[in-house]
PDB file of N, CA and C in Angstrom:
ATOM      1  N   UNK A   1       0.847  -1.205   0.000  1.00  0.00           N
ATOM      2  CA  UNK A   1       0.000   0.000   0.000  1.00  0.00           C
ATOM      3  C   UNK A   1       0.879   1.252   0.000  1.00  0.00           C
ATOM      4  N   UNK A   2       1.886   1.253   0.883  1.00  0.00           N
ATOM      5  CA  UNK A   2       2.754   2.431   0.970  1.00  0.00           C
ATOM      6  C   UNK A   2       3.475   2.669  -0.354  1.00  0.00           C
ATOM      7  N   UNK A   3       3.916   1.555  -0.984  1.00  0.00           N
ATOM      8  CA  UNK A   3       4.637   1.703  -2.253  1.00  0.00           C
ATOM      9  C   UNK A   3       3.719   2.299  -3.320  1.00  0.00           C
ATOM     10  N   UNK A   4       2.459   1.833  -3.359  1.00  0.00           N
ATOM     11  CA  UNK A   4       1.530   2.375  -4.361  1.00  0.00           C
ATOM     12  C   UNK A   4       1.309   3.866  -4.132  1.00  0.00           C
ATOM     13  N   UNK A   5       1.154   4.254  -2.865  1.00  0.00           N
ATOM     14  CA  UNK A   5       0.949   5.665  -2.558  1.00  0.00           C
ATOM     15  C   UNK A   5       2.190   6.459  -2.967  1.00  0.00           C
ATOM     16  N   UNK A   6       3.373   5.894  -2.690  1.00  0.00           N
ATOM     17  CA  UNK A   6       4.622   6.580  -3.041  1.00  0.00           C
ATOM     18  C   UNK A   6       4.684   6.804  -4.550  1.00  0.00           C
ATOM     19  N   UNK A   7       4.358   5.766  -5.325  1.00  0.00           N
ATOM     20  CA  UNK A   7       4.420   5.899  -6.777  1.00  0.00           C
ATOM     21  C   UNK A   7       3.391   6.908  -7.279  1.00  0.00           C
ATOM     22  N   UNK A   8       2.213   6.934  -6.619  1.00  0.00           N
ATOM     23  CA  UNK A   8       1.193   7.898  -7.034  1.00  0.00           C
ATOM     24  C   UNK A   8       1.693   9.320  -6.841  1.00  0.00           C
ATOM     25  N   UNK A   9       2.356   9.567  -5.706  1.00  0.00           N
ATOM     26  CA  UNK A   9       2.889  10.910  -5.419  1.00  0.00           C
ATOM     27  C   UNK A   9       3.982  11.261  -6.426  1.00  0.00           C
ATOM     28  N   UNK A  10       4.889  10.316  -6.657  1.00  0.00           N
ATOM     29  CA  UNK A  10       6.002  10.605  -7.575  1.00  0.00           C
ATOM     30  C   UNK A  10       5.469  10.834  -8.990  1.00  0.00           C
ATOM     31  N   UNK A  11       4.382  10.121  -9.365  1.00  0.00           N
ATOM     32  CA  UNK A  11       3.821  10.307 -10.702  1.00  0.00           C
ATOM     33  C   UNK A  11       3.299  11.727 -10.854  1.00  0.00           C
ATOM     34  N   UNK A  12       2.577  12.223  -9.839  1.00  0.00           N
ATOM     35  CA  UNK A  12       2.064  13.589  -9.924  1.00  0.00           C
ATOM     36  C   UNK A  12       3.226  14.576  -9.911  1.00  0.00           C
ATOM     37  N   UNK A  13       4.279  14.251  -9.155  1.00  0.00           N
ATOM     38  CA  UNK A  13       5.466  15.131  -9.131  1.00  0.00           C
ATOM     39  C   UNK A  13       6.093  15.179 -10.520  1.00  0.00           C
ATOM     40  N   UNK A  14       6.173  14.016 -11.177  1.00  0.00           N
ATOM     41  CA  UNK A  14       6.757  13.985 -12.522  1.00  0.00           C
ATOM     42  C   UNK A  14       5.941  14.859 -13.469  1.00  0.00           C
ATOM     43  N   UNK A  15       4.613  14.802 -13.334  1.00  0.00           N
ATOM     44  CA  UNK A  15       3.766  15.633 -14.200  1.00  0.00           C
ATOM     45  C   UNK A  15       4.057  17.103 -13.939  1.00  0.00           C
ATOM     46  N   UNK A  16       4.185  17.460 -12.648  1.00  0.00           N
ATOM     47  CA  UNK A  16       4.489  18.848 -12.303  1.00  0.00           C
ATOM     48  C   UNK A  16       5.833  19.261 -12.871  1.00  0.00           C
ATOM     49  N   UNK A  17       6.826  18.362 -12.748  1.00  0.00           N
ATOM     50  CA  UNK A  17       8.165  18.669 -13.268  1.00  0.00           C
ATOM     51  C   UNK A  17       8.102  18.894 -14.770  1.00  0.00           C
ATOM     52  N   UNK A  18       7.298  18.055 -15.454  1.00  0.00           N
ATOM     53  CA  UNK A  18       7.185  18.184 -16.907  1.00  0.00           C
ATOM     54  C   UNK A  18       6.610  19.557 -17.261  1.00  0.00           C
ATOM     55  N   UNK A  19       5.565  19.973 -16.513  1.00  0.00           N
ATOM     56  CA  UNK A  19       4.962  21.280 -16.777  1.00  0.00           C
ATOM     57  C   UNK A  19       5.971  22.386 -16.525  1.00  0.00           C
ATOM     58  N   UNK A  20       6.730  22.260 -15.409  1.00  0.00           N
ATOM     59  CA  UNK A  20       7.737  23.274 -15.089  1.00  0.00           C
ATOM     60  C   UNK A  20       8.777  23.345 -16.204  1.00  0.00           C
ATOM     61  N   UNK A  21       9.202  22.180 -16.704  1.00  0.00           N
ATOM     62  CA  UNK A  21      10.216  22.167 -17.761  1.00  0.00           C
ATOM     63  C   UNK A  21       9.681  22.867 -19.005  1.00  0.00           C
ATOM     64  N   UNK A  22       8.407  22.614 -19.343  1.00  0.00           N
ATOM     65  CA  UNK A  22       7.823  23.258 -20.518  1.00  0.00           C
ATOM     66  C   UNK A  22       7.795  24.766 -20.316  1.00  0.00           C
ATOM     67  N   UNK A  23       7.363  25.216 -19.132  1.00  0.00           N
ATOM     68  CA  UNK A  23       7.300  26.661 -18.855  1.00  0.00           C
ATOM     69  C   UNK A  23       8.707  27.257 -18.891  1.00  0.00           C
ATOM     70  N   UNK A  24       9.684  26.546 -18.286  1.00  0.00           N
ATOM     71  CA  UNK A  24      11.060  27.053 -18.265  1.00  0.00           C
ATOM     72  C   UNK A  24      11.594  27.160 -19.682  1.00  0.00           C
ATOM     73  N   UNK A  25      11.261  26.176 -20.542  1.00  0.00           N
ATOM     74  CA  UNK A  25      11.737  26.204 -21.918  1.00  0.00           C
ATOM     75  C   UNK A  25      11.227  27.460 -22.620  1.00  0.00           C
ATOM     76  N   UNK A  26       9.938  27.774 -22.422  1.00  0.00           N
ATOM     77  CA  UNK A  26       9.375  28.972 -23.045  1.00  0.00           C
ATOM     78  C   UNK A  26      10.026  30.224 -22.480  1.00  0.00           C
ATOM     79  N   UNK A  27      10.269  30.222 -21.154  1.00  0.00           N
ATOM     80  CA  UNK A  27      10.909  31.382 -20.519  1.00  0.00           C
ATOM     81  C   UNK A  27      12.304  31.592 -21.092  1.00  0.00           C
ATOM     82  N   UNK A  28      13.056  30.495 -21.250  1.00  0.00           N
ATOM     83  CA  UNK A  28      14.419  30.593 -21.765  1.00  0.00           C
ATOM     84  C   UNK A  28      14.396  31.150 -23.183  1.00  0.00           C
ATOM     85  N   UNK A  29      13.482  30.640 -24.011  1.00  0.00           N
ATOM     86  CA  UNK A  29      13.402  31.151 -25.383  1.00  0.00           C
ATOM     87  C   UNK A  29      13.070  32.640 -25.376  1.00  0.00           C
ATOM     88  N   UNK A  30      12.162  33.057 -24.462  1.00  0.00           N
ATOM     89  CA  UNK A  30      11.795  34.481 -24.378  1.00  0.00           C
ATOM     90  C   UNK A  30      12.991  35.308 -23.939  1.00  0.00           C
ATOM     91  N   UNK A  31      13.727  34.820 -22.922  1.00  0.00           N
ATOM     92  CA  UNK A  31      14.897  35.555 -22.443  1.00  0.00           C
ATOM     93  C   UNK A  31      15.949  35.660 -23.546  1.00  0.00           C
ATOM     94  N   UNK A  32      16.145  34.584 -24.302  1.00  0.00           N
ATOM     95  CA  UNK A  32      17.140  34.605 -25.378  1.00  0.00           C
ATOM     96  C   UNK A  32      16.748  35.642 -26.429  1.00  0.00           C
ATOM     97  N   UNK A  33      15.466  35.684 -26.770  1.00  0.00           N
ATOM     98  CA  UNK A  33      15.028  36.667 -27.773  1.00  0.00           C
ATOM     99  C   UNK A  33      15.204  38.081 -27.226  1.00  0.00           C
ATOM    100  N   UNK A  34      14.940  38.269 -25.920  1.00  0.00           N
ATOM    101  CA  UNK A  34      15.130  39.584 -25.310  1.00  0.00           C
ATOM    102  C   UNK A  34      16.609  39.968 -25.367  1.00  0.00           C
ATOM    103  N   UNK A  35      17.485  39.001 -25.045  1.00  0.00           N
ATOM    104  CA  UNK A  35      18.926  39.278 -25.069  1.00  0.00           C
ATOM    105  C   UNK A  35      19.367  39.632 -26.487  1.00  0.00           C
ATOM    106  N   UNK A  36      18.847  38.900 -27.475  1.00  0.00           N
ATOM    107  CA  UNK A  36      19.223  39.181 -28.863  1.00  0.00           C
ATOM    108  C   UNK A  36      18.833  40.606 -29.245  1.00  0.00           C
ATOM    109  N   UNK A  37      17.608  40.994 -28.895  1.00  0.00           N
ATOM    110  CA  UNK A  37      17.165  42.360 -29.243  1.00  0.00           C
ATOM    111  C   UNK A  37      17.990  43.392 -28.484  1.00  0.00           C
ATOM    112  N   UNK A  38      18.368  43.080 -27.244  1.00  0.00           N
ATOM    113  CA  UNK A  38      19.189  44.007 -26.458  1.00  0.00           C
ATOM    114  C   UNK A  38      20.570  44.145 -27.091  1.00  0.00           C
ATOM    115  N   UNK A  39      21.129  43.026 -27.547  1.00  0.00           N
ATOM    116  CA  UNK A  39      22.452  43.077 -28.189  1.00  0.00           C
ATOM    117  C   UNK A  39      22.379  43.919 -29.459  1.00  0.00           C
ATOM    118  N   UNK A  40      21.298  43.741 -30.228  1.00  0.00           N
ATOM    119  CA  UNK A  40      21.146  44.523 -31.458  1.00  0.00           C
ATOM    120  C   UNK A  40      21.076  46.009 -31.130  1.00  0.00           C
ATOM    121  N   UNK A  41      20.316  46.363 -30.083  1.00  0.00           N
ATOM    122  CA  UNK A  41      20.176  47.765 -29.703  1.00  0.00           C
ATOM    123  C   UNK A  41      21.533  48.323 -29.266  1.00  0.00           C
ATOM    124  N   UNK A  42      22.293  47.507 -28.522  1.00  0.00           N
ATOM    125  CA  UNK A  42      23.603  47.968 -28.052  1.00  0.00           C
ATOM    126  C   UNK A  42      24.557  48.138 -29.232  1.00  0.00           C
ATOM    127  N   UNK A  43      24.523  47.213 -30.186  1.00  0.00           N
ATOM    128  CA  UNK A  43      25.435  47.302 -31.323  1.00  0.00           C
ATOM    129  C   UNK A  43      25.071  48.505 -32.200  1.00  0.00           C
ATOM    130  N   UNK A  44      23.781  48.862 -32.232  1.00  0.00           N
ATOM    131  CA  UNK A  44      23.363  50.028 -33.019  1.00  0.00           C
ATOM    132  C   UNK A  44      23.870  51.309 -32.362  1.00  0.00           C
ATOM    133  N   UNK A  45      23.812  51.336 -31.024  1.00  0.00           N
ATOM    134  CA  UNK A  45      24.299  52.516 -30.298  1.00  0.00           C
ATOM    135  C   UNK A  45      25.484  52.105 -29.429  1.00  0.00           C
ATOM    136  N   UNK A  46      26.706  52.169 -29.954  1.00  0.00           N
ATOM    137  CA  UNK A  46      27.873  51.756 -29.174  1.00  0.00           C
ATOM    138  C   UNK A  46      28.050  52.620 -27.929  1.00  0.00           C
ATOM    139  N   UNK A  47      28.184  51.939 -26.776  1.00  0.00           N
ATOM    140  CA  UNK A  47      28.378  52.664 -25.517  1.00  0.00           C
ATOM    141  C   UNK A  47      29.837  52.538 -25.099  1.00  0.00           C
ATOM    142  N   UNK A  48      30.498  53.642 -24.783  1.00  0.00           N
ATOM    143  CA  UNK A  48      31.919  53.575 -24.372  1.00  0.00           C
ATOM    144  C   UNK A  48      32.080  52.776 -23.088  1.00  0.00           C
ATOM    145  N   UNK A  49      33.042  51.845 -23.104  1.00  0.00           N
ATOM    146  CA  UNK A  49      33.279  51.030 -21.905  1.00  0.00           C
ATOM    147  C   UNK A  49      33.974  51.857 -20.837  1.00  0.00           C
ATOM    148  N   UNK A  50      33.522  51.686 -19.603  1.00  0.00           N
ATOM    149  CA  UNK A  50      34.134  52.439 -18.496  1.00  0.00           C
ATOM    150  C   UNK A  50      35.298  51.658 -17.914  1.00  0.00           C
TER     151      UNK A  50
END
Protein backbone atom coordinates (compact mmCIF):
# COMPACT_ATOMS: atom_id res chain seq x y z
CA UNK A 1 0.00 0.00 0.00
CA UNK A 2 2.75 2.43 0.97
CA UNK A 3 4.64 1.70 -2.25
CA UNK A 4 1.53 2.37 -4.36
CA UNK A 5 0.95 5.67 -2.56
CA UNK A 6 4.62 6.58 -3.04
CA UNK A 7 4.42 5.90 -6.78
CA UNK A 8 1.19 7.90 -7.03
CA UNK A 9 2.89 10.91 -5.42
CA UNK A 10 6.00 10.60 -7.58
CA UNK A 11 3.82 10.31 -10.70
CA UNK A 12 2.06 13.59 -9.92
CA UNK A 13 5.47 15.13 -9.13
CA UNK A 14 6.76 13.99 -12.52
CA UNK A 15 3.77 15.63 -14.20
CA UNK A 16 4.49 18.85 -12.30
CA UNK A 17 8.16 18.67 -13.27
CA UNK A 18 7.18 18.18 -16.91
CA UNK A 19 4.96 21.28 -16.78
CA UNK A 20 7.74 23.27 -15.09
CA UNK A 21 10.22 22.17 -17.76
CA UNK A 22 7.82 23.26 -20.52
CA UNK A 23 7.30 26.66 -18.85
CA UNK A 24 11.06 27.05 -18.26
CA UNK A 25 11.74 26.20 -21.92
CA UNK A 26 9.38 28.97 -23.04
CA UNK A 27 10.91 31.38 -20.52
CA UNK A 28 14.42 30.59 -21.76
CA UNK A 29 13.40 31.15 -25.38
CA UNK A 30 11.80 34.48 -24.38
CA UNK A 31 14.90 35.55 -22.44
CA UNK A 32 17.14 34.61 -25.38
CA UNK A 33 15.03 36.67 -27.77
CA UNK A 34 15.13 39.58 -25.31
CA UNK A 35 18.93 39.28 -25.07
CA UNK A 36 19.22 39.18 -28.86
CA UNK A 37 17.16 42.36 -29.24
CA UNK A 38 19.19 44.01 -26.46
CA UNK A 39 22.45 43.08 -28.19
CA UNK A 40 21.15 44.52 -31.46
CA UNK A 41 20.18 47.76 -29.70
CA UNK A 42 23.60 47.97 -28.05
CA UNK A 43 25.43 47.30 -31.32
CA UNK A 44 23.36 50.03 -33.02
CA UNK A 45 24.30 52.52 -30.30
CA UNK A 46 27.87 51.76 -29.17
CA UNK A 47 28.38 52.66 -25.52
CA UNK A 48 31.92 53.58 -24.37
CA UNK A 49 33.28 51.03 -21.90
CA UNK A 50 34.13 52.44 -18.50
